[in-house]
Amino acid sequence: MSSQPARSSNASRYLFLFLLGLVLGIIGVVMALRAIEGRKTWEDHFPDAVMHVMQAHASQLGAAAKENRCAATDVLPHLQTLRYMANDLEPALPGLSDDPRFVEHASHYRATLDSALATPPLNCAGVEAAIKQVNDGCKACHQDFRG
């Protein structure tokens, strides 16, 4: 009786090498992307930061209205921050600061916020109206420039 050794398949080795290569490739891609992101300066992050902060305060205004927290102490800080951030629209987007449509949108947005701050909303209906005007200003600009 001759015993023949069982032939083992190389499939498990190939699978292991494939999975190892996949993991190492993913790690390499993540490291490369983080290195690219790390080379960005504050000027690269500024446009997104301005928009994110403005979106956060507009969302908090909406949340305050939904939660029936419409007192001036709840609403004015967000309106004031939106107004301060509106001053940074042109510096944040220097490629658009020469476009008359963009300048008009930014000016109208600031005027809307100035009006809301001059006569602060006294109830939730007023807050919702102010939010609608602010969101309409954002939407109009985004439709023209973000497509």
C-alpha atoms as a PDB file:
ATOM      1  CA  MET A   1       0.000   0.000   0.000  1.00  0.00           C
ATOM      2  CA  SER A   2       1.503   3.157  -1.034  1.00  0.00           C
ATOM      3  CA  SER A   3       0.232   6.223   0.608  1.00  0.00           C
ATOM      4  CA  GLN A   4       0.192   9.311  -1.443  1.00  0.00           C
ATOM      5  CA  PRO A   5       0.357  12.654   0.310  1.00  0.00           C
ATOM      6  CA  ALA A   6      -2.748  14.723  -0.160  1.00  0.00           C
ATOM      7  CA  ARG A   7      -2.190  17.628  -2.489  1.00  0.00           C
ATOM      8  CA  SER A   8      -2.830  20.858  -0.733  1.00  0.00           C
ATOM      9  CA  SER A   9      -4.318  23.724  -2.662  1.00  0.00           C
ATOM     10  CA  ASN A  10      -2.535  27.040  -3.010  1.00  0.00           C
ATOM     11  CA  ALA A  11      -5.877  28.834  -2.961  1.00  0.00           C
ATOM     12  CA  SER A  12      -5.662  29.627   0.749  1.00  0.00           C
ATOM     13  CA  ARG A  13      -2.207  31.175   0.272  1.00  0.00           C
ATOM     14  CA  TYR A  14      -3.409  33.271  -2.630  1.00  0.00           C
ATOM     15  CA  LEU A  15      -6.443  34.398  -0.662  1.00  0.00           C
ATOM     16  CA  PHE A  16      -4.236  35.386   2.279  1.00  0.00           C
ATOM     17  CA  LEU A  17      -1.863  37.350   0.017  1.00  0.00           C
ATOM     18  CA  PHE A  18      -4.802  39.031  -1.717  1.00  0.00           C
ATOM     19  CA  LEU A  19      -6.332  40.093   1.613  1.00  0.00           C
ATOM     20  CA  LEU A  20      -2.953  41.279   2.898  1.00  0.00           C
ATOM     21  CA  GLY A  21      -2.423  43.345  -0.260  1.00  0.00           C
ATOM     22  CA  LEU A  22      -5.932  44.769   0.023  1.00  0.00           C
ATOM     23  CA  VAL A  23      -5.390  45.837   3.643  1.00  0.00           C
ATOM     24  CA  LEU A  24      -1.984  47.344   2.887  1.00  0.00           C
ATOM     25  CA  GLY A  25      -3.444  49.163  -0.134  1.00  0.00           C
ATOM     26  CA  ILE A  26      -6.256  50.658   1.936  1.00  0.00           C
ATOM     27  CA  ILE A  27      -3.774  51.794   4.583  1.00  0.00           C
ATOM     28  CA  GLY A  28      -1.594  53.376   1.890  1.00  0.00           C
ATOM     29  CA  VAL A  29      -4.518  55.242   0.333  1.00  0.00           C
ATOM     30  CA  VAL A  30      -5.663  56.564   3.716  1.00  0.00           C
ATOM     31  CA  MET A  31      -2.142  57.728   4.544  1.00  0.00           C
ATOM     32  CA  ALA A  32      -1.808  59.461   1.172  1.00  0.00           C
ATOM     33  CA  LEU A  33      -5.180  61.216   1.526  1.00  0.00           C
ATOM     34  CA  ARG A  34      -4.320  62.402   5.031  1.00  0.00           C
ATOM     35  CA  ALA A  35      -0.970  63.729   3.802  1.00  0.00           C
ATOM     36  CA  ILE A  36      -2.728  65.662   1.031  1.00  0.00           C
ATOM     37  CA  GLU A  37      -5.290  67.023   3.489  1.00  0.00           C
ATOM     38  CA  GLY A  38      -2.510  67.991   5.911  1.00  0.00           C
ATOM     39  CA  ARG A  39      -0.869  70.195   3.284  1.00  0.00           C
ATOM     40  CA  LYS A  40      -3.940  72.414   3.018  1.00  0.00           C
ATOM     41  CA  THR A  41      -3.756  75.838   4.615  1.00  0.00           C
ATOM     42  CA  TRP A  42      -6.435  77.830   6.395  1.00  0.00           C
ATOM     43  CA  GLU A  43      -7.194  79.559   3.101  1.00  0.00           C
ATOM     44  CA  ASP A  44      -8.189  76.197   1.628  1.00  0.00           C
ATOM     45  CA  HIS A  45     -10.540  75.482   4.538  1.00  0.00           C
ATOM     46  CA  PHE A  46     -11.953  79.008   4.898  1.00  0.00           C
ATOM     47  CA  PRO A  47     -14.791  78.836   2.303  1.00  0.00           C
ATOM     48  CA  ASP A  48     -16.140  75.569   3.674  1.00  0.00           C
ATOM     49  CA  ALA A  49     -15.732  76.742   7.261  1.00  0.00           C
ATOM     50  CA  VAL A  50     -17.742  79.919   6.642  1.00  0.00           C
ATOM     51  CA  MET A  51     -20.544  77.944   4.989  1.00  0.00           C
ATOM     52  CA  HIS A  52     -20.574  75.267   7.709  1.00  0.00           C
ATOM     53  CA  VAL A  53     -20.771  77.816  10.523  1.00  0.00           C
ATOM     54  CA  MET A  54     -23.567  79.687   8.764  1.00  0.00           C
ATOM     55  CA  GLN A  55     -25.444  76.431   8.149  1.00  0.00           C
ATOM     56  CA  ALA A  56     -25.029  75.445  11.798  1.00  0.00           C
ATOM     57  CA  HIS A  57     -26.491  78.712  13.086  1.00  0.00           C
ATOM     58  CA  ALA A  58     -29.356  78.649  10.586  1.00  0.00           C
ATOM     59  CA  SER A  59     -30.131  75.087  11.674  1.00  0.00           C
ATOM     60  CA  GLN A  60     -30.040  76.089  15.331  1.00  0.00           C
ATOM     61  CA  LEU A  61     -32.494  78.902  14.591  1.00  0.00           C
ATOM     62  CA  GLY A  62     -34.816  76.375  12.978  1.00  0.00           C
ATOM     63  CA  ALA A  63     -34.460  74.022  15.926  1.00  0.00           C
ATOM     64  CA  ALA A  64     -35.247  76.829  18.357  1.00  0.00           C
ATOM     65  CA  ALA A  65     -38.436  77.649  16.452  1.00  0.00           C
ATOM     66  CA  LYS A  66     -39.496  73.991  16.377  1.00  0.00           C
ATOM     67  CA  GLU A  67     -38.865  73.687  20.120  1.00  0.00           C
ATOM     68  CA  ASN A  68     -40.867  76.880  20.760  1.00  0.00           C
ATOM     69  CA  ARG A  69     -37.810  78.666  22.165  1.00  0.00           C
ATOM     70  CA  CYS A  70     -38.253  81.953  20.367  1.00  0.00           C
ATOM     71  CA  ALA A  71     -37.191  84.454  23.000  1.00  0.00           C
ATOM     72  CA  ALA A  72     -34.687  87.088  21.978  1.00  0.00           C
ATOM     73  CA  THR A  73     -32.009  85.417  24.111  1.00  0.00           C
ATOM     74  CA  ASP A  74     -32.449  82.226  22.075  1.00  0.00           C
ATOM     75  CA  VAL A  75     -32.612  83.839  18.649  1.00  0.00           C
ATOM     76  CA  LEU A  76     -30.421  86.953  18.615  1.00  0.00           C
ATOM     77  CA  PRO A  77     -27.057  85.200  19.131  1.00  0.00           C
ATOM     78  CA  HIS A  78     -27.652  83.108  16.021  1.00  0.00           C
ATOM     79  CA  LEU A  79     -28.824  86.053  13.945  1.00  0.00           C
ATOM     80  CA  GLN A  80     -25.827  88.101  15.089  1.00  0.00           C
ATOM     81  CA  THR A  81     -23.396  85.318  14.224  1.00  0.00           C
ATOM     82  CA  LEU A  82     -24.996  84.888  10.812  1.00  0.00           C
ATOM     83  CA  ARG A  83     -24.581  88.620  10.241  1.00  0.00           C
ATOM     84  CA  TYR A  84     -20.938  88.583  11.331  1.00  0.00           C
ATOM     85  CA  MET A  85     -20.245  85.589   9.108  1.00  0.00           C
ATOM     86  CA  ALA A  86     -21.958  87.347   6.195  1.00  0.00           C
ATOM     87  CA  ASN A  87     -19.095  89.854   6.278  1.00  0.00           C
ATOM     88  CA  ASP A  88     -16.774  86.992   5.312  1.00  0.00           C
ATOM     89  CA  LEU A  89     -18.620  85.903   2.189  1.00  0.00           C
ATOM     90  CA  GLU A  90     -16.495  87.856  -0.284  1.00  0.00           C
ATOM     91  CA  PRO A  91     -13.144  87.113   1.423  1.00  0.00           C
ATOM     92  CA  ALA A  92     -14.065  83.432   1.697  1.00  0.00           C
ATOM     93  CA  LEU A  93     -14.890  83.193  -2.002  1.00  0.00           C
ATOM     94  CA  PRO A  94     -12.394  85.511  -3.709  1.00  0.00           C
ATOM     95  CA  GLY A  95     -13.082  84.006  -7.128  1.00  0.00           C
ATOM     96  CA  LEU A  96     -16.657  85.234  -6.932  1.00  0.00           C
ATOM     97  CA  SER A  97     -16.101  88.587  -5.247  1.00  0.00           C
ATOM     98  CA  ASP A  98     -15.876  90.347  -8.625  1.00  0.00           C
ATOM     99  CA  ASP A  99     -19.089  88.812  -9.937  1.00  0.00           C
ATOM    100  CA  PRO A 100     -21.903  91.376  -9.647  1.00  0.00           C
ATOM    101  CA  ARG A 101     -24.503  88.644  -9.077  1.00  0.00           C
ATOM    102  CA  PHE A 102     -22.542  87.300  -6.111  1.00  0.00           C
ATOM    103  CA  VAL A 103     -22.024  90.778  -4.677  1.00  0.00           C
ATOM    104  CA  GLU A 104     -25.764  91.396  -5.008  1.00  0.00           C
ATOM    105  CA  HIS A 105     -26.631  88.097  -3.292  1.00  0.00           C
ATOM    106  CA  ALA A 106     -24.201  88.807  -0.444  1.00  0.00           C
ATOM    107  CA  SER A 107     -25.506  92.354  -0.049  1.00  0.00           C
ATOM    108  CA  HIS A 108     -29.123  91.186  -0.033  1.00  0.00           C
ATOM    109  CA  TYR A 109     -28.269  88.496   2.529  1.00  0.00           C
ATOM    110  CA  ARG A 110     -26.649  91.069   4.813  1.00  0.00           C
ATOM    111  CA  ALA A 111     -29.632  93.413   4.380  1.00  0.00           C
ATOM    112  CA  THR A 112     -31.997  90.588   5.335  1.00  0.00           C
ATOM    113  CA  LEU A 113     -30.002  89.916   8.499  1.00  0.00           C
ATOM    114  CA  ASP A 114     -29.717  93.633   9.293  1.00  0.00           C
ATOM    115  CA  SER A 115     -33.497  93.899   9.044  1.00  0.00           C
ATOM    116  CA  ALA A 116     -33.982  90.882  11.303  1.00  0.00           C
ATOM    117  CA  LEU A 117     -31.597  92.363  13.867  1.00  0.00           C
ATOM    118  CA  ALA A 118     -33.131  95.862  13.672  1.00  0.00           C
ATOM    119  CA  THR A 119     -36.579  94.486  14.455  1.00  0.00           C
ATOM    120  CA  PRO A 120     -35.951  91.160  16.183  1.00  0.00           C
ATOM    121  CA  PRO A 121     -38.689  88.557  15.902  1.00  0.00           C
ATOM    122  CA  LEU A 122     -40.862  88.526  18.997  1.00  0.00           C
ATOM    123  CA  ASN A 123     -42.523  85.160  18.526  1.00  0.00           C
ATOM    124  CA  CYS A 124     -41.978  81.859  16.758  1.00  0.00           C
ATOM    125  CA  ALA A 125     -43.910  82.989  13.691  1.00  0.00           C
ATOM    126  CA  GLY A 126     -41.493  85.910  13.352  1.00  0.00           C
ATOM    127  CA  VAL A 127     -38.503  83.594  13.840  1.00  0.00           C
ATOM    128  CA  GLU A 128     -39.810  81.235  11.164  1.00  0.00           C
ATOM    129  CA  ALA A 129     -40.308  84.167   8.783  1.00  0.00           C
ATOM    130  CA  ALA A 130     -36.747  85.343   9.442  1.00  0.00           C
ATOM    131  CA  ILE A 131     -35.432  81.808   8.898  1.00  0.00           C
ATOM    132  CA  LYS A 132     -37.318  81.582   5.616  1.00  0.00           C
ATOM    133  CA  GLN A 133     -35.820  84.869   4.401  1.00  0.00           C
ATOM    134  CA  VAL A 134     -32.305  83.763   5.417  1.00  0.00           C
ATOM    135  CA  ASN A 135     -32.720  80.358   3.772  1.00  0.00           C
ATOM    136  CA  ASP A 136     -34.155  81.963   0.622  1.00  0.00           C
ATOM    137  CA  GLY A 137     -31.076  84.176   0.406  1.00  0.00           C
ATOM    138  CA  CYS A 138     -28.785  81.168   0.752  1.00  0.00           C
ATOM    139  CA  LYS A 139     -30.793  79.155  -1.755  1.00  0.00           C
ATOM    140  CA  ALA A 140     -30.786  81.914  -4.378  1.00  0.00           C
ATOM    141  CA  CYS A 141     -27.016  82.285  -4.227  1.00  0.00           C
ATOM    142  CA  HIS A 142     -26.422  78.529  -4.232  1.00  0.00           C
ATOM    143  CA  GLN A 143     -28.685  78.108  -7.260  1.00  0.00           C
ATOM    144  CA  ASP A 144     -26.661  80.670  -9.181  1.00  0.00           C
ATOM    145  CA  PHE A 145     -23.214  79.502  -8.177  1.00  0.00           C
ATOM    146  CA  ARG A 146     -23.375  75.861  -7.120  1.00  0.00           C
ATOM    147  CA  GLY A 147     -25.599  74.686  -9.942  1.00  0.00           C
END
